[in-house]
Amino acid sequence: RELMARVRSLLRRHGVSASGAVRPPVVLGQLTLTP
C-alpha cells in the first residue's frame, strides 16, 4: 500500500492538478517552471 502511494505521488507530479486543470507556469526571476 505504501509502494502504491509512492507510485501515485510520482505519477501525479507528471500529470495535472486534482481539479483536472493544467498548472500554469511559475516564473521567479531567471527561473521558469512549466508543469
Full PDB file with SEQRES, HELIX, SHEET, SSBOND, CRYST1, ORIGX, SCALE, CONECT and MASTER records, all heavy atoms in Angstrom:
SEQRES   1 A   35  ARG GLU LEU MET ALA ARG VAL ARG SER LEU LEU ARG ARG          
SEQRES   2 A   35  HIS GLY VAL SER ALA SER GLY ALA VAL ARG PRO PRO VAL          
SEQRES   3 A   35  VAL LEU GLY GLN LEU THR LEU THR PRO                          
HELIX    1 AA1 GLU A    2  ARG A   13  1                                  12    
SHEET    1 AA1 2 VAL A  26  LEU A  28  0                                        
SHEET    2 AA1 2 LEU A  31  LEU A  33 -1                                        
CRYST1    1.000    1.000    1.000  90.00  90.00  90.00 P 1           1          
ORIGX1      1.000000  0.000000  0.000000        0.00000                         
ORIGX2      0.000000  1.000000  0.000000        0.00000                         
ORIGX3      0.000000  0.000000  1.000000        0.00000                         
SCALE1      1.000000  0.000000  0.000000        0.00000                         
SCALE2      0.000000  1.000000  0.000000        0.00000                         
SCALE3      0.000000  0.000000  1.000000        0.00000                         
ATOM      1  N   ARG A   1       0.830  -1.204   0.000  1.00  0.00           N  
ATOM      2  CA  ARG A   1       0.000   0.000   0.000  1.00  0.00           C  
ATOM      3  C   ARG A   1       0.868   1.258   0.000  1.00  0.00           C  
ATOM      4  O   ARG A   1       0.550   2.245  -0.674  1.00  0.00           O  
ATOM      5  CB  ARG A   1      -0.930  -0.008   1.215  1.00  0.00           C  
ATOM      6  CG  ARG A   1      -1.990  -1.089   1.163  1.00  0.00           C  
ATOM      7  CD  ARG A   1      -2.843  -1.085   2.393  1.00  0.00           C  
ATOM      8  NE  ARG A   1      -3.590   0.157   2.539  1.00  0.00           N  
ATOM      9  CZ  ARG A   1      -4.336   0.459   3.600  1.00  0.00           C  
ATOM     10  NH1 ARG A   1      -4.431  -0.395   4.611  1.00  0.00           N  
ATOM     11  NH2 ARG A   1      -4.979   1.604   3.652  1.00  0.00           N  
ATOM     12  N   GLU A   2       1.976   1.222   0.756  1.00  0.00           N  
ATOM     13  CA  GLU A   2       2.874   2.380   0.740  1.00  0.00           C  
ATOM     14  C   GLU A   2       3.548   2.513  -0.620  1.00  0.00           C  
ATOM     15  O   GLU A   2       3.714   3.618  -1.138  1.00  0.00           O  
ATOM     16  CB  GLU A   2       3.932   2.264   1.827  1.00  0.00           C  
ATOM     17  CG  GLU A   2       4.859   3.480   1.857  1.00  0.00           C  
ATOM     18  CD  GLU A   2       5.870   3.450   2.981  1.00  0.00           C  
ATOM     19  OE1 GLU A   2       5.895   2.479   3.755  1.00  0.00           O  
ATOM     20  OE2 GLU A   2       6.640   4.433   3.074  1.00  0.00           O  
ATOM     21  N   LEU A   3       3.937   1.370  -1.208  1.00  0.00           N  
ATOM     22  CA  LEU A   3       4.529   1.410  -2.537  1.00  0.00           C  
ATOM     23  C   LEU A   3       3.596   2.096  -3.522  1.00  0.00           C  
ATOM     24  O   LEU A   3       4.016   2.979  -4.291  1.00  0.00           O  
ATOM     25  CB  LEU A   3       4.838  -0.010  -3.010  1.00  0.00           C  
ATOM     26  CG  LEU A   3       5.290  -0.140  -4.470  1.00  0.00           C  
ATOM     27  CD1 LEU A   3       6.634   0.533  -4.682  1.00  0.00           C  
ATOM     28  CD2 LEU A   3       5.344  -1.601  -4.891  1.00  0.00           C  
ATOM     29  N   MET A   4       2.317   1.718  -3.504  1.00  0.00           N  
ATOM     30  CA  MET A   4       1.379   2.303  -4.453  1.00  0.00           C  
ATOM     31  C   MET A   4       1.120   3.782  -4.142  1.00  0.00           C  
ATOM     32  O   MET A   4       0.867   4.574  -5.056  1.00  0.00           O  
ATOM     33  CB  MET A   4       0.074   1.514  -4.460  1.00  0.00           C  
ATOM     34  CG  MET A   4       0.216   0.079  -4.972  1.00  0.00           C  
ATOM     35  SD  MET A   4       1.234  -0.055  -6.485  1.00  0.00           S  
ATOM     36  CE  MET A   4       0.335   0.992  -7.620  1.00  0.00           C  
ATOM     37  N   ALA A   5       1.195   4.165  -2.868  1.00  0.00           N  
ATOM     38  CA  ALA A   5       1.070   5.589  -2.527  1.00  0.00           C  
ATOM     39  C   ALA A   5       2.222   6.382  -3.140  1.00  0.00           C  
ATOM     40  O   ALA A   5       2.034   7.491  -3.663  1.00  0.00           O  
ATOM     41  CB  ALA A   5       1.030   5.770  -1.018  1.00  0.00           C  
ATOM     42  N   ARG A   6       3.427   5.814  -3.091  1.00  0.00           N  
ATOM     43  CA  ARG A   6       4.581   6.485  -3.698  1.00  0.00           C  
ATOM     44  C   ARG A   6       4.430   6.553  -5.220  1.00  0.00           C  
ATOM     45  O   ARG A   6       4.783   7.553  -5.843  1.00  0.00           O  
ATOM     46  CB  ARG A   6       5.869   5.737  -3.348  1.00  0.00           C  
ATOM     47  CG  ARG A   6       6.181   5.592  -1.865  1.00  0.00           C  
ATOM     48  CD  ARG A   6       6.613   6.890  -1.232  1.00  0.00           C  
ATOM     49  NE  ARG A   6       6.942   6.717   0.160  1.00  0.00           N  
ATOM     50  CZ  ARG A   6       8.178   6.712   0.666  1.00  0.00           C  
ATOM     51  NH1 ARG A   6       9.212   6.884  -0.130  1.00  0.00           N  
ATOM     52  NH2 ARG A   6       8.378   6.553   1.961  1.00  0.00           N  
ATOM     53  N   VAL A   7       3.915   5.451  -5.806  1.00  0.00           N  
ATOM     54  CA  VAL A   7       3.689   5.427  -7.248  1.00  0.00           C  
ATOM     55  C   VAL A   7       2.707   6.518  -7.655  1.00  0.00           C  
ATOM     56  O   VAL A   7       2.941   7.271  -8.604  1.00  0.00           O  
ATOM     57  CB  VAL A   7       3.179   4.039  -7.695  1.00  0.00           C  
ATOM     58  CG1 VAL A   7       2.619   4.084  -9.114  1.00  0.00           C  
ATOM     59  CG2 VAL A   7       4.294   3.003  -7.598  1.00  0.00           C  
ATOM     60  N   ARG A   8       1.598   6.617  -6.930  1.00  0.00           N  
ATOM     61  CA  ARG A   8       0.598   7.649  -7.246  1.00  0.00           C  
ATOM     62  C   ARG A   8       1.196   9.046  -7.141  1.00  0.00           C  
ATOM     63  O   ARG A   8       0.924   9.926  -7.960  1.00  0.00           O  
ATOM     64  CB  ARG A   8      -0.612   7.511  -6.323  1.00  0.00           C  
ATOM     65  CG  ARG A   8      -1.493   6.314  -6.630  1.00  0.00           C  
ATOM     66  CD  ARG A   8      -2.808   6.393  -5.866  1.00  0.00           C  
ATOM     67  NE  ARG A   8      -2.630   6.322  -4.429  1.00  0.00           N  
ATOM     68  CZ  ARG A   8      -2.591   5.195  -3.722  1.00  0.00           C  
ATOM     69  NH1 ARG A   8      -2.719   4.017  -4.334  1.00  0.00           N  
ATOM     70  NH2 ARG A   8      -2.438   5.218  -2.411  1.00  0.00           N  
ATOM     71  N   SER A   9       2.027   9.252  -6.109  1.00  0.00           N  
ATOM     72  CA  SER A   9       2.644  10.560  -5.907  1.00  0.00           C  
ATOM     73  C   SER A   9       3.574  10.914  -7.066  1.00  0.00           C  
ATOM     74  O   SER A   9       3.540  12.029  -7.592  1.00  0.00           O  
ATOM     75  CB  SER A   9       3.411  10.572  -4.588  1.00  0.00           C  
ATOM     76  OG  SER A   9       4.074  11.797  -4.388  1.00  0.00           O  
ATOM     77  N   LEU A  10       4.391   9.954  -7.496  1.00  0.00           N  
ATOM     78  CA  LEU A  10       5.319  10.226  -8.593  1.00  0.00           C  
ATOM     79  C   LEU A  10       4.583  10.466  -9.905  1.00  0.00           C  
ATOM     80  O   LEU A  10       4.942  11.362 -10.676  1.00  0.00           O  
ATOM     81  CB  LEU A  10       6.293   9.050  -8.742  1.00  0.00           C  
ATOM     82  CG  LEU A  10       7.414   8.978  -7.707  1.00  0.00           C  
ATOM     83  CD1 LEU A  10       8.159   7.656  -7.823  1.00  0.00           C  
ATOM     84  CD2 LEU A  10       8.386  10.136  -7.878  1.00  0.00           C  
ATOM     85  N   LEU A  11       3.542   9.676 -10.162  1.00  0.00           N  
ATOM     86  CA  LEU A  11       2.775   9.868 -11.392  1.00  0.00           C  
ATOM     87  C   LEU A  11       2.042  11.205 -11.379  1.00  0.00           C  
ATOM     88  O   LEU A  11       1.925  11.879 -12.407  1.00  0.00           O  
ATOM     89  CB  LEU A  11       1.784   8.724 -11.573  1.00  0.00           C  
ATOM     90  CG  LEU A  11       2.393   7.363 -11.931  1.00  0.00           C  
ATOM     91  CD1 LEU A  11       1.321   6.288 -11.928  1.00  0.00           C  
ATOM     92  CD2 LEU A  11       3.098   7.411 -13.284  1.00  0.00           C  
ATOM     93  N   ARG A  12       1.550  11.594 -10.187  1.00  0.00           N  
ATOM     94  CA  ARG A  12       0.815  12.848 -10.070  1.00  0.00           C  
ATOM     95  C   ARG A  12       1.708  14.050 -10.406  1.00  0.00           C  
ATOM     96  O   ARG A  12       1.250  15.035 -10.969  1.00  0.00           O  
ATOM     97  CB  ARG A  12       0.240  12.976  -8.660  1.00  0.00           C  
ATOM     98  CG  ARG A  12      -0.760  14.120  -8.485  1.00  0.00           C  
ATOM     99  CD  ARG A  12      -1.558  13.928  -7.219  1.00  0.00           C  
ATOM    100  NE  ARG A  12      -0.728  13.749  -6.053  1.00  0.00           N  
ATOM    101  CZ  ARG A  12      -0.704  12.620  -5.313  1.00  0.00           C  
ATOM    102  NH1 ARG A  12      -1.469  11.595  -5.625  1.00  0.00           N  
ATOM    103  NH2 ARG A  12       0.086  12.542  -4.253  1.00  0.00           N  
ATOM    104  N   ARG A  13       2.972  13.958 -10.064  1.00  0.00           N  
ATOM    105  CA  ARG A  13       3.888  15.058 -10.372  1.00  0.00           C  
ATOM    106  C   ARG A  13       3.991  15.300 -11.872  1.00  0.00           C  
ATOM    107  O   ARG A  13       4.304  16.406 -12.312  1.00  0.00           O  
ATOM    108  CB  ARG A  13       5.299  14.740  -9.859  1.00  0.00           C  
ATOM    109  CG  ARG A  13       5.426  14.659  -8.365  1.00  0.00           C  
ATOM    110  CD  ARG A  13       6.878  14.383  -8.049  1.00  0.00           C  
ATOM    111  NE  ARG A  13       7.054  13.811  -6.726  1.00  0.00           N  
ATOM    112  CZ  ARG A  13       8.195  13.310  -6.293  1.00  0.00           C  
ATOM    113  NH1 ARG A  13       9.246  13.307  -7.097  1.00  0.00           N  
ATOM    114  NH2 ARG A  13       8.302  12.811  -5.082  1.00  0.00           N  
ATOM    115  N   HIS A  14       3.756  14.258 -12.662  1.00  0.00           N  
ATOM    116  CA  HIS A  14       3.890  14.392 -14.114  1.00  0.00           C  
ATOM    117  C   HIS A  14       2.548  14.604 -14.791  1.00  0.00           C  
ATOM    118  O   HIS A  14       2.468  14.602 -16.013  1.00  0.00           O  
ATOM    119  CB  HIS A  14       4.568  13.148 -14.685  1.00  0.00           C  
ATOM    120  CG  HIS A  14       6.046  13.151 -14.465  1.00  0.00           C  
ATOM    121  ND1 HIS A  14       6.950  13.354 -15.470  1.00  0.00           N  
ATOM    122  CD2 HIS A  14       6.765  13.006 -13.320  1.00  0.00           C  
ATOM    123  CE1 HIS A  14       8.172  13.327 -14.964  1.00  0.00           C  
ATOM    124  NE2 HIS A  14       8.083  13.120 -13.673  1.00  0.00           N  
ATOM    125  N   GLY A  15       1.486  14.780 -14.004  1.00  0.00           N  
ATOM    126  CA  GLY A  15       0.174  14.967 -14.587  1.00  0.00           C  
ATOM    127  C   GLY A  15      -0.375  16.346 -14.356  1.00  0.00           C  
ATOM    128  O   GLY A  15       0.329  17.343 -14.437  1.00  0.00           O  
ATOM    129  N   VAL A  16      -1.658  16.415 -14.062  1.00  0.00           N  
ATOM    130  CA  VAL A  16      -2.348  17.682 -13.849  1.00  0.00           C  
ATOM    131  C   VAL A  16      -2.818  17.748 -12.414  1.00  0.00           C  
ATOM    132  O   VAL A  16      -2.686  16.806 -11.639  1.00  0.00           O  
ATOM    133  CB  VAL A  16      -3.549  17.823 -14.814  1.00  0.00           C  
ATOM    134  CG1 VAL A  16      -3.071  17.815 -16.246  1.00  0.00           C  
ATOM    135  CG2 VAL A  16      -4.561  16.715 -14.593  1.00  0.00           C  
ATOM    136  N   SER A  17      -3.373  18.890 -12.029  1.00  0.00           N  
ATOM    137  CA  SER A  17      -3.865  19.079 -10.677  1.00  0.00           C  
ATOM    138  C   SER A  17      -5.108  18.244 -10.450  1.00  0.00           C  
ATOM    139  O   SER A  17      -5.715  17.704 -11.368  1.00  0.00           O  
ATOM    140  CB  SER A  17      -4.194  20.555 -10.451  1.00  0.00           C  
ATOM    141  OG  SER A  17      -5.304  20.920 -11.242  1.00  0.00           O  
ATOM    142  N   ALA A  18      -5.515  18.113  -9.185  1.00  0.00           N  
ATOM    143  CA  ALA A  18      -6.666  17.300  -8.834  1.00  0.00           C  
ATOM    144  C   ALA A  18      -7.937  17.788  -9.495  1.00  0.00           C  
ATOM    145  O   ALA A  18      -8.869  17.028  -9.755  1.00  0.00           O  
ATOM    146  CB  ALA A  18      -6.845  17.293  -7.306  1.00  0.00           C  
ATOM    147  N   SER A  19      -8.028  19.084  -9.826  1.00  0.00           N  
ATOM    148  CA  SER A  19      -9.215  19.635 -10.460  1.00  0.00           C  
ATOM    149  C   SER A  19      -9.261  19.345 -11.954  1.00  0.00           C  
ATOM    150  O   SER A  19     -10.259  19.580 -12.611  1.00  0.00           O  
ATOM    151  CB  SER A  19      -9.250  21.158 -10.265  1.00  0.00           C  
ATOM    152  OG  SER A  19      -8.164  21.761 -10.949  1.00  0.00           O  
ATOM    153  N   GLY A  20      -8.143  18.779 -12.476  1.00  0.00           N  
ATOM    154  CA  GLY A  20      -8.081  18.475 -13.893  1.00  0.00           C  
ATOM    155  C   GLY A  20      -7.476  19.589 -14.722  1.00  0.00           C  
ATOM    156  O   GLY A  20      -7.285  19.441 -15.920  1.00  0.00           O  
ATOM    157  N   ALA A  21      -7.180  20.736 -14.119  1.00  0.00           N  
ATOM    158  CA  ALA A  21      -6.609  21.859 -14.857  1.00  0.00           C  
ATOM    159  C   ALA A  21      -5.084  21.782 -14.828  1.00  0.00           C  
ATOM    160  O   ALA A  21      -4.490  21.430 -13.823  1.00  0.00           O  
ATOM    161  CB  ALA A  21      -7.057  23.175 -14.234  1.00  0.00           C  
ATOM    162  N   VAL A  22      -4.481  22.100 -15.952  1.00  0.00           N  
ATOM    163  CA  VAL A  22      -3.025  22.118 -16.015  1.00  0.00           C  
ATOM    164  C   VAL A  22      -2.507  23.288 -15.191  1.00  0.00           C  
ATOM    165  O   VAL A  22      -2.999  24.408 -15.290  1.00  0.00           O  
ATOM    166  CB  VAL A  22      -2.555  22.256 -17.485  1.00  0.00           C  
ATOM    167  CG1 VAL A  22      -1.040  22.383 -17.549  1.00  0.00           C  
ATOM    168  CG2 VAL A  22      -3.027  21.069 -18.297  1.00  0.00           C  
ATOM    169  N   ARG A  23      -1.508  23.028 -14.350  1.00  0.00           N  
ATOM    170  CA  ARG A  23      -0.950  24.098 -13.535  1.00  0.00           C  
ATOM    171  C   ARG A  23      -0.216  25.093 -14.431  1.00  0.00           C  
ATOM    172  O   ARG A  23       0.505  24.696 -15.341  1.00  0.00           O  
ATOM    173  CB  ARG A  23       0.002  23.518 -12.481  1.00  0.00           C  
ATOM    174  CG  ARG A  23      -0.658  22.521 -11.553  1.00  0.00           C  
ATOM    175  CD  ARG A  23       0.206  22.195 -10.345  1.00  0.00           C  
ATOM    176  NE  ARG A  23       1.528  21.721 -10.679  1.00  0.00           N  
ATOM    177  CZ  ARG A  23       1.820  20.456 -10.987  1.00  0.00           C  
ATOM    178  NH1 ARG A  23       0.855  19.555 -11.048  1.00  0.00           N  
ATOM    179  NH2 ARG A  23       3.061  20.098 -11.251  1.00  0.00           N  
ATOM    180  N   PRO A  24      -0.373  26.398 -14.167  1.00  0.00           N  
ATOM    181  CA  PRO A  24       0.276  27.400 -15.015  1.00  0.00           C  
ATOM    182  C   PRO A  24       1.779  27.440 -14.749  1.00  0.00           C  
ATOM    183  O   PRO A  24       2.265  26.991 -13.702  1.00  0.00           O  
ATOM    184  CB  PRO A  24      -0.389  28.704 -14.574  1.00  0.00           C  
ATOM    185  CG  PRO A  24      -0.788  28.459 -13.156  1.00  0.00           C  
ATOM    186  CD  PRO A  24      -1.183  27.007 -13.098  1.00  0.00           C  
ATOM    187  N   PRO A  25       2.549  27.988 -15.690  1.00  0.00           N  
ATOM    188  CA  PRO A  25       3.987  28.144 -15.473  1.00  0.00           C  
ATOM    189  C   PRO A  25       4.269  29.015 -14.247  1.00  0.00           C  
ATOM    190  O   PRO A  25       3.487  29.908 -13.898  1.00  0.00           O  
ATOM    191  CB  PRO A  25       4.476  28.821 -16.758  1.00  0.00           C  
ATOM    192  CG  PRO A  25       3.458  28.458 -17.783  1.00  0.00           C  
ATOM    193  CD  PRO A  25       2.150  28.405 -17.038  1.00  0.00           C  
ATOM    194  N   VAL A  26       5.388  28.735 -13.611  1.00  0.00           N  
ATOM    195  CA  VAL A  26       5.845  29.510 -12.462  1.00  0.00           C  
ATOM    196  C   VAL A  26       7.091  30.273 -12.897  1.00  0.00           C  
ATOM    197  O   VAL A  26       8.055  29.674 -13.383  1.00  0.00           O  
ATOM    198  CB  VAL A  26       6.174  28.598 -11.260  1.00  0.00           C  
ATOM    199  CG1 VAL A  26       6.704  29.429 -10.089  1.00  0.00           C  
ATOM    200  CG2 VAL A  26       4.952  27.789 -10.841  1.00  0.00           C  
ATOM    201  N   VAL A  27       7.061  31.594 -12.729  1.00  0.00           N  
ATOM    202  CA  VAL A  27       8.192  32.428 -13.122  1.00  0.00           C  
ATOM    203  C   VAL A  27       8.717  33.141 -11.883  1.00  0.00           C  
ATOM    204  O   VAL A  27       7.963  33.814 -11.169  1.00  0.00           O  
ATOM    205  CB  VAL A  27       7.792  33.461 -14.194  1.00  0.00           C  
ATOM    206  CG1 VAL A  27       8.987  34.325 -14.562  1.00  0.00           C  
ATOM    207  CG2 VAL A  27       7.229  32.752 -15.422  1.00  0.00           C  
ATOM    208  N   LEU A  28      10.018  32.995 -11.640  1.00  0.00           N  
ATOM    209  CA  LEU A  28      10.660  33.650 -10.498  1.00  0.00           C  
ATOM    210  C   LEU A  28      12.038  34.108 -10.941  1.00  0.00           C  
ATOM    211  O   LEU A  28      12.965  33.296 -11.057  1.00  0.00           O  
ATOM    212  CB  LEU A  28      10.759  32.690  -9.306  1.00  0.00           C  
ATOM    213  CG  LEU A  28      11.368  33.274  -8.020  1.00  0.00           C  
ATOM    214  CD1 LEU A  28      10.481  34.376  -7.453  1.00  0.00           C  
ATOM    215  CD2 LEU A  28      11.573  32.180  -6.975  1.00  0.00           C  
ATOM    216  N   GLY A  29      12.168  35.398 -11.205  1.00  0.00           N  
ATOM    217  CA  GLY A  29      13.449  35.912 -11.684  1.00  0.00           C  
ATOM    218  C   GLY A  29      13.836  35.257 -13.000  1.00  0.00           C  
ATOM    219  O   GLY A  29      13.073  35.272 -13.969  1.00  0.00           O  
ATOM    220  N   GLN A  30      15.016  34.639 -13.041  1.00  0.00           N  
ATOM    221  CA  GLN A  30      15.508  33.975 -14.253  1.00  0.00           C  
ATOM    222  C   GLN A  30      14.980  32.548 -14.388  1.00  0.00           C  
ATOM    223  O   GLN A  30      15.304  31.861 -15.354  1.00  0.00           O  
ATOM    224  CB  GLN A  30      17.035  33.938 -14.252  1.00  0.00           C  
ATOM    225  CG  GLN A  30      17.710  35.297 -14.228  1.00  0.00           C  
ATOM    226  CD  GLN A  30      19.208  35.159 -14.351  1.00  0.00           C  
ATOM    227  OE1 GLN A  30      19.759  35.057 -15.440  1.00  0.00           O  
ATOM    228  NE2 GLN A  30      19.883  35.146 -13.217  1.00  0.00           N  
ATOM    229  N   LEU A  31      14.180  32.113 -13.434  1.00  0.00           N  
ATOM    230  CA  LEU A  31      13.702  30.730 -13.388  1.00  0.00           C  
ATOM    231  C   LEU A  31      12.272  30.644 -13.920  1.00  0.00           C  
ATOM    232  O   LEU A  31      11.404  31.417 -13.516  1.00  0.00           O  
ATOM    233  CB  LEU A  31      13.751  30.217 -11.945  1.00  0.00           C  
ATOM    234  CG  LEU A  31      13.247  28.796 -11.684  1.00  0.00           C  
ATOM    235  CD1 LEU A  31      14.184  27.785 -12.333  1.00  0.00           C  
ATOM    236  CD2 LEU A  31      13.157  28.554 -10.176  1.00  0.00           C  
ATOM    237  N   THR A  32      12.032  29.688 -14.821  1.00  0.00           N  
ATOM    238  CA  THR A  32      10.685  29.414 -15.314  1.00  0.00           C  
ATOM    239  C   THR A  32      10.433  27.916 -15.250  1.00  0.00           C  
ATOM    240  O   THR A  32      11.224  27.120 -15.787  1.00  0.00           O  
ATOM    241  CB  THR A  32      10.492  29.892 -16.761  1.00  0.00           C  
ATOM    242  OG1 THR A  32      10.735  31.299 -16.844  1.00  0.00           O  
ATOM    243  CG2 THR A  32       9.075  29.606 -17.241  1.00  0.00           C  
ATOM    244  N   LEU A  33       9.342  27.528 -14.591  1.00  0.00           N  
ATOM    245  CA  LEU A  33       8.942  26.129 -14.486  1.00  0.00           C  
ATOM    246  C   LEU A  33       7.630  25.939 -15.235  1.00  0.00           C  
ATOM    247  O   LEU A  33       6.682  26.693 -15.018  1.00  0.00           O  
ATOM    248  CB  LEU A  33       8.746  25.729 -13.019  1.00  0.00           C  
ATOM    249  CG  LEU A  33       9.892  26.035 -12.047  1.00  0.00           C  
ATOM    250  CD1 LEU A  33       9.478  25.676 -10.624  1.00  0.00           C  
ATOM    251  CD2 LEU A  33      11.129  25.266 -12.435  1.00  0.00           C  
ATOM    252  N   THR A  34       7.574  24.920 -16.076  1.00  0.00           N  
ATOM    253  CA  THR A  34       6.357  24.627 -16.831  1.00  0.00           C  
ATOM    254  C   THR A  34       5.852  23.248 -16.421  1.00  0.00           C  
ATOM    255  O   THR A  34       6.353  22.231 -16.908  1.00  0.00           O  
ATOM    256  CB  THR A  34       6.620  24.665 -18.348  1.00  0.00           C  
ATOM    257  OG1 THR A  34       7.235  25.916 -18.691  1.00  0.00           O  
ATOM    258  CG2 THR A  34       5.318  24.510 -19.124  1.00  0.00           C  
ATOM    259  N   PRO A  35       4.862  23.186 -15.506  1.00  0.00           N  
ATOM    260  CA  PRO A  35       4.391  21.889 -15.014  1.00  0.00           C  
ATOM    261  C   PRO A  35       3.856  20.964 -16.101  1.00  0.00           C  
ATOM    262  O   PRO A  35       4.015  19.744 -16.004  1.00  0.00           O  
ATOM    263  CB  PRO A  35       3.291  22.277 -14.021  1.00  0.00           C  
ATOM    264  CG  PRO A  35       3.656  23.653 -13.563  1.00  0.00           C  
ATOM    265  CD  PRO A  35       4.251  24.308 -14.778  1.00  0.00           C  
TER     266      PRO A  35                                                      
MASTER        0    0    0    1    2    0    0    6  265    1    0    3          
END                                                                             
